[in-house]
N, C-alpha and C. Protein backbone atom coordinates (compact mmCIF):
# COMPACT_ATOMS: atom_id res chain seq x y z
N UNK A 1 5.83 11.85 -7.72
CA UNK A 1 6.24 11.46 -6.76
C UNK A 1 6.02 12.39 -5.42
N UNK A 2 5.83 12.02 -3.87
CA UNK A 2 5.60 12.79 -3.05
C UNK A 2 6.64 13.18 -2.49
N UNK A 3 7.62 11.96 -2.10
CA UNK A 3 8.92 12.70 -1.35
C UNK A 3 10.21 12.41 -2.19
N UNK A 4 10.04 12.00 -3.46
CA UNK A 4 10.76 11.81 -4.49
C UNK A 4 11.57 10.33 -4.59
N UNK A 5 11.01 9.62 -3.60
CA UNK A 5 11.54 8.22 -3.61
C UNK A 5 10.43 7.10 -4.16
N UNK A 6 9.65 7.35 -3.40
CA UNK A 6 8.31 6.33 -3.75
C UNK A 6 7.32 6.50 -4.75
N UNK A 7 7.06 5.60 -5.70
CA UNK A 7 6.03 5.83 -6.88
C UNK A 7 4.74 6.00 -6.34
N UNK A 8 4.09 7.28 -6.99
CA UNK A 8 2.46 7.40 -6.86
C UNK A 8 1.96 6.78 -8.07
N UNK A 9 0.87 5.73 -8.08
CA UNK A 9 0.12 5.04 -8.85
C UNK A 9 -1.25 5.80 -9.04
N UNK A 10 -1.82 6.17 -9.92
CA UNK A 10 -3.25 6.75 -9.88
C UNK A 10 -4.21 6.11 -10.32
N UNK A 11 -4.21 4.95 -10.94
CA UNK A 11 -5.22 4.18 -11.76
C UNK A 11 -5.39 2.68 -11.42
N UNK A 12 -6.42 2.12 -11.78
CA UNK A 12 -6.50 0.72 -11.28
C UNK A 12 -5.61 -0.12 -12.22
N UNK A 13 -5.72 0.52 -13.49
CA UNK A 13 -5.22 -0.50 -14.47
C UNK A 13 -3.77 -0.54 -14.15
N UNK A 14 -2.98 0.53 -13.76
CA UNK A 14 -1.56 0.70 -13.28
C UNK A 14 -1.49 -0.16 -12.30
N UNK A 15 -2.01 -0.26 -11.13
CA UNK A 15 -1.97 -1.34 -10.28
C UNK A 15 -2.32 -2.33 -10.55
N UNK A 16 -3.13 -2.86 -11.33
CA UNK A 16 -3.33 -4.49 -11.98
C UNK A 16 -1.99 -4.76 -12.42
N UNK A 17 -0.86 -4.02 -13.39
CA UNK A 17 -0.10 -4.39 -14.04
C UNK A 17 1.38 -4.97 -12.91
N UNK A 18 1.01 -3.71 -11.78
CA UNK A 18 1.93 -4.13 -10.76
C UNK A 18 1.70 -5.42 -9.87
N UNK A 19 0.62 -5.34 -9.89
CA UNK A 19 0.07 -6.54 -8.60
C UNK A 19 0.63 -7.71 -9.49
N UNK A 20 0.15 -8.15 -11.00
CA UNK A 20 0.33 -9.28 -11.89
C UNK A 20 2.01 -9.56 -11.55
N UNK A 21 2.44 -8.66 -11.15
CA UNK A 21 4.27 -8.74 -11.11
C UNK A 21 4.62 -9.39 -9.98
N UNK A 22 3.30 -9.67 -8.92
CA UNK A 22 3.83 -10.22 -7.70
C UNK A 22 3.99 -9.36 -6.57
N UNK A 23 3.49 -8.35 -6.84
CA UNK A 23 3.46 -7.25 -5.66
C UNK A 23 2.74 -7.57 -4.21
N UNK A 24 2.57 -6.92 -3.58
CA UNK A 24 1.87 -7.47 -2.12
C UNK A 24 1.07 -6.03 -1.86
N UNK A 25 -0.60 -6.07 -1.91
CA UNK A 25 -0.95 -4.66 -1.64
C UNK A 25 -0.73 -4.68 -0.12
N UNK A 26 -0.99 -3.36 0.51
CA UNK A 26 -1.13 -3.37 1.72
C UNK A 26 -2.47 -2.16 1.77
N UNK A 27 -3.34 -2.83 2.46
CA UNK A 27 -4.76 -2.03 2.92
C UNK A 27 -4.47 -1.09 4.04
N UNK A 28 -4.59 -0.05 4.12
CA UNK A 28 -4.36 0.55 5.18
C UNK A 28 -5.81 1.65 6.00
N UNK A 29 -6.69 0.90 5.58
CA UNK A 29 -8.08 1.00 5.88
C UNK A 29 -8.13 0.40 7.38
N UNK A 30 -9.27 1.07 7.96
CA UNK A 30 -9.67 -0.15 9.36
C UNK A 30 -10.27 -1.20 9.21
N UNK A 31 -9.82 -2.07 10.08
CA UNK A 31 -10.17 -3.32 10.04
C UNK A 31 -11.60 -3.84 9.38
N UNK A 32 -12.44 -3.09 9.72
CA UNK A 32 -14.18 -3.32 9.14
C UNK A 32 -14.00 -3.05 7.89
N UNK A 33 -13.69 -2.12 7.57
CA UNK A 33 -13.37 -1.79 5.84
C UNK A 33 -12.66 -2.83 5.29
N UNK A 34 -11.65 -3.23 5.49
CA UNK A 34 -10.78 -4.30 5.18
C UNK A 34 -11.82 -5.79 4.89
N UNK A 35 -12.58 -6.08 6.54
CA UNK A 35 -13.20 -7.12 6.11
C UNK A 35 -14.40 -7.04 5.33
N UNK A 36 -14.69 -5.89 4.90
CA UNK A 36 -15.68 -5.77 3.97
C UNK A 36 -15.61 -5.75 2.52
N UNK A 37 -14.17 -5.73 2.10
CA UNK A 37 -13.68 -5.93 0.86
C UNK A 37 -12.10 -5.41 0.77
N UNK A 38 -11.24 -6.25 -0.04
CA UNK A 38 -10.03 -5.47 -0.23
C UNK A 38 -9.64 -6.29 -1.45
N UNK A 39 -8.44 -5.85 -1.90
CA UNK A 39 -7.50 -6.44 -3.07
C UNK A 39 -7.26 -7.97 -2.48
N UNK A 40 -7.19 -8.75 -3.51
CA UNK A 40 -6.59 -10.16 -3.32
C UNK A 40 -5.52 -10.26 -2.68
N UNK A 41 -5.08 -11.40 -1.62
CA UNK A 41 -3.58 -11.04 -1.13
C UNK A 41 -2.98 -9.96 -0.36
N UNK A 42 -3.90 -8.60 0.29
CA UNK A 42 -3.69 -7.82 0.77
C UNK A 42 -3.70 -7.90 2.03
N UNK A 43 -2.66 -7.36 2.92
CA UNK A 43 -2.69 -7.80 4.46
C UNK A 43 -3.09 -5.87 4.77
N UNK A 44 -3.50 -6.23 6.08
CA UNK A 44 -4.19 -5.13 6.66
C UNK A 44 -3.13 -4.53 7.79
N UNK A 45 -2.82 -3.00 7.47
CA UNK A 45 -2.11 -2.39 8.36
C UNK A 45 -2.53 -0.87 8.68
N UNK A 46 -2.88 -0.55 10.13
CA UNK A 46 -3.11 0.88 9.87
C UNK A 46 -1.90 1.76 9.74
N UNK A 47 -2.04 2.72 9.09
CA UNK A 47 -1.04 3.68 8.91
C UNK A 47 0.02 4.04 10.00
N UNK A 48 -0.46 4.25 11.17
CA UNK A 48 0.43 4.34 12.46
C UNK A 48 1.09 3.52 12.92
N UNK A 49 0.82 2.02 12.47
CA UNK A 49 1.27 0.82 12.98
C UNK A 49 2.30 0.41 11.82
N UNK A 50 2.62 1.27 10.82
CA UNK A 50 3.14 0.91 10.04
C UNK A 50 4.92 0.55 10.26
N UNK A 51 5.09 1.38 11.57
CA UNK A 51 6.52 1.19 11.79
C UNK A 51 6.71 -0.35 12.41
N UNK A 52 5.77 -1.08 12.46
CA UNK A 52 5.82 -2.57 12.92
C UNK A 52 5.72 -3.44 12.19
N UNK A 53 5.40 -3.12 10.95
CA UNK A 53 5.38 -3.59 9.31
C UNK A 53 6.68 -5.07 9.40
N UNK A 54 7.74 -4.26 9.63
CA UNK A 54 9.07 -5.38 9.31
C UNK A 54 9.00 -6.29 10.14
N UNK A 55 8.26 -6.23 11.58
CA UNK A 55 8.73 -7.39 12.33
C UNK A 55 7.04 -8.13 12.12
N UNK A 56 5.93 -7.62 11.90
CA UNK A 56 4.94 -8.29 11.74
C UNK A 56 4.80 -9.57 10.59
N UNK A 57 5.45 -8.72 9.46
CA UNK A 57 5.55 -9.35 8.28
C UNK A 57 6.96 -9.46 7.86
N UNK A 58 7.81 -10.28 8.66
CA UNK A 58 8.95 -10.36 8.44
C UNK A 58 9.21 -11.63 7.02
N UNK A 59 7.91 -12.13 6.37
CA UNK A 59 8.19 -13.23 5.31
C UNK A 59 8.10 -12.36 4.30
N UNK A 60 7.97 -11.14 4.12
CA UNK A 60 7.91 -10.26 2.93
C UNK A 60 9.33 -9.39 2.74
N UNK A 61 10.07 -10.00 1.86
CA UNK A 61 11.63 -9.24 1.62
C UNK A 61 11.18 -7.81 1.66
N UNK A 62 12.40 -7.22 1.90
CA UNK A 62 12.80 -5.83 1.70
C UNK A 62 12.93 -5.33 0.37
N UNK A 63 13.02 -6.23 -0.57
CA UNK A 63 12.58 -5.86 -2.07
C UNK A 63 11.44 -6.33 -2.48
N UNK A 64 10.67 -6.51 -1.75
CA UNK A 64 9.41 -6.73 -2.40
C UNK A 64 8.41 -5.59 -3.03
N UNK A 65 7.94 -5.48 -3.99
CA UNK A 65 6.80 -4.57 -4.25
C UNK A 65 5.93 -4.17 -3.63
N UNK A 66 5.50 -3.31 -2.26
CA UNK A 66 4.54 -3.07 -1.49
C UNK A 66 3.68 -2.03 -2.46
N UNK A 67 1.95 -1.98 -2.47
CA UNK A 67 1.12 -1.26 -3.32
C UNK A 67 0.45 -0.73 -1.98
N UNK A 68 0.80 0.18 -1.22
CA UNK A 68 -0.30 0.76 -0.23
C UNK A 68 -1.34 1.52 -0.98
N UNK A 69 -2.46 1.35 -0.33
CA UNK A 69 -3.75 1.90 -0.55
C UNK A 69 -4.84 2.12 0.52
N UNK A 70 -5.25 3.02 0.84
CA UNK A 70 -6.63 3.39 1.78
C UNK A 70 -7.70 3.58 0.93
N UNK A 71 -8.70 4.49 1.40
CA UNK A 71 -9.74 4.41 0.98
C UNK A 71 -9.97 5.07 -0.31
N UNK A 72 -9.25 5.74 -0.85
CA UNK A 72 -9.12 6.62 -1.76
C UNK A 72 -8.89 8.21 -1.92
N UNK A 73 -8.39 8.79 -2.75
CA UNK A 73 -7.46 10.29 -2.50
C UNK A 73 -6.28 10.15 -1.55
N UNK A 74 -5.86 11.35 -1.85
CA UNK A 74 -4.39 11.75 -1.10
C UNK A 74 -4.70 11.81 0.29
N UNK A 75 -3.99 11.11 1.30
CA UNK A 75 -3.94 11.27 2.74
C UNK A 75 -2.79 11.12 3.17
N UNK A 76 -2.37 12.58 3.94
CA UNK A 76 -1.19 12.55 4.69
C UNK A 76 -0.73 11.00 5.49
N UNK A 77 -1.46 10.58 6.22
CA UNK A 77 -0.89 9.44 6.80
C UNK A 77 -0.52 8.48 5.89
N UNK A 78 -1.03 7.91 4.37
CA UNK A 78 -0.72 7.20 3.85
C UNK A 78 0.86 7.70 2.94
N UNK A 79 1.15 8.97 3.00
CA UNK A 79 2.21 9.51 2.25
C UNK A 79 3.42 9.03 3.63
N UNK A 80 3.03 9.33 4.67
CA UNK A 80 3.85 8.81 6.08
C UNK A 80 4.01 7.23 6.08
N UNK A 81 3.45 6.63 5.97
CA UNK A 81 3.38 5.27 5.84
C UNK A 81 4.27 5.17 5.07
N UNK A 82 4.29 5.24 3.68
CA UNK A 82 5.19 4.77 2.46
C UNK A 82 6.58 5.51 2.99
N UNK A 83 6.82 6.47 3.63
CA UNK A 83 7.80 7.14 3.93
C UNK A 83 8.30 6.18 5.45
N UNK A 84 7.97 5.86 6.11
CA UNK A 84 8.25 4.63 7.08
C UNK A 84 8.76 3.26 6.59
N UNK A 85 8.06 2.56 5.55
CA UNK A 85 8.55 1.70 4.98
C UNK A 85 9.75 1.98 4.36
N UNK A 86 9.81 2.84 3.56
CA UNK A 86 11.12 2.93 2.81
C UNK A 86 12.55 3.32 4.11
N UNK A 87 12.08 3.98 4.92
CA UNK A 87 12.97 4.13 6.04
C UNK A 87 13.37 2.98 6.76
N UNK A 88 12.15 2.11 7.11
CA UNK A 88 12.55 0.79 7.55
C UNK A 88 13.43 -0.15 6.52
N UNK A 89 13.88 0.26 5.00
CA UNK A 89 14.49 -0.39 4.32
C UNK A 89 13.59 -1.18 2.95
N UNK A 90 12.78 -1.16 3.22
CA UNK A 90 11.78 -1.40 1.85
C UNK A 90 12.28 -0.75 0.77
N UNK A 91 12.60 -1.18 -0.57
CA UNK A 91 13.10 -0.62 -1.74
C UNK A 91 12.06 -0.06 -3.02
N UNK A 92 10.94 -0.97 -2.79
CA UNK A 92 10.02 -0.54 -3.86
C UNK A 92 8.68 -0.44 -3.46
N UNK A 93 8.44 0.77 -2.96
CA UNK A 93 7.35 1.15 -1.96
C UNK A 93 6.46 1.87 -3.21
N UNK A 94 5.18 1.82 -3.57
CA UNK A 94 4.11 2.52 -4.44
C UNK A 94 2.84 2.53 -3.82
N UNK A 95 2.48 3.85 -4.11
CA UNK A 95 1.52 4.50 -3.29
C UNK A 95 0.24 4.45 -4.28
N UNK A 96 -0.79 4.02 -3.82
CA UNK A 96 -1.96 3.80 -4.85
C UNK A 96 -3.25 4.91 -4.78
N UNK A 97 -2.83 6.08 -5.14
CA UNK A 97 -3.99 7.28 -4.55
C UNK A 97 -5.31 7.18 -4.87
N UNK A 98 -5.80 6.41 -5.95
CA UNK A 98 -6.95 6.13 -6.21
C UNK A 98 -7.71 5.29 -5.20
N UNK A 99 -6.82 4.36 -4.47
CA UNK A 99 -7.66 3.56 -3.20
C UNK A 99 -8.40 2.63 -3.55
N UNK A 100 -8.93 2.07 -2.54
CA UNK A 100 -10.46 1.35 -2.81
C UNK A 100 -11.31 1.91 -3.39
N UNK A 101 -11.56 3.08 -3.35
CA UNK A 101 -12.71 3.87 -4.10
C UNK A 101 -12.54 3.30 -5.14
N UNK A 102 -11.59 3.88 -6.05
CA UNK A 102 -11.23 3.62 -7.44
C UNK A 102 -11.09 2.21 -7.91
N UNK A 103 -10.32 0.98 -7.25
CA UNK A 103 -10.07 -0.30 -7.18
C UNK A 103 -11.67 -0.87 -7.36
N UNK A 104 -12.57 -0.48 -6.24
CA UNK A 104 -13.73 -1.09 -6.29
C UNK A 104 -14.93 -0.80 -7.18
N UNK A 105 -14.41 0.58 -7.79
CA UNK A 105 -15.45 0.86 -8.99
C UNK A 105 -15.66 0.35 -10.19
N UNK A 106 -14.63 -0.46 -10.46
CA UNK A 106 -14.71 -1.49 -11.99
C UNK A 106 -15.51 -2.57 -11.71
């Protein structure tokens, strides 16, 4: 865990289990990359726009599991995004360090 609260998940298999439980994937790549391919059901939010997430996605409950991912690999913006979501009141934030590179490799 990067900050002691949100969980880090490193494998596509682990993310699949979480998504099967009804989690919402949050793709933090740019819109062009998102449009080229993303996890089913994902919402696209740039890391620096994460502070607007509660207002823009008000239909997603604060208790929902959110799986954050970017292109792949550890990225400080993604860790900050996870912190912002938790600071906004989301209680179940998961950061997928493998990102789109790992997910789309299968």
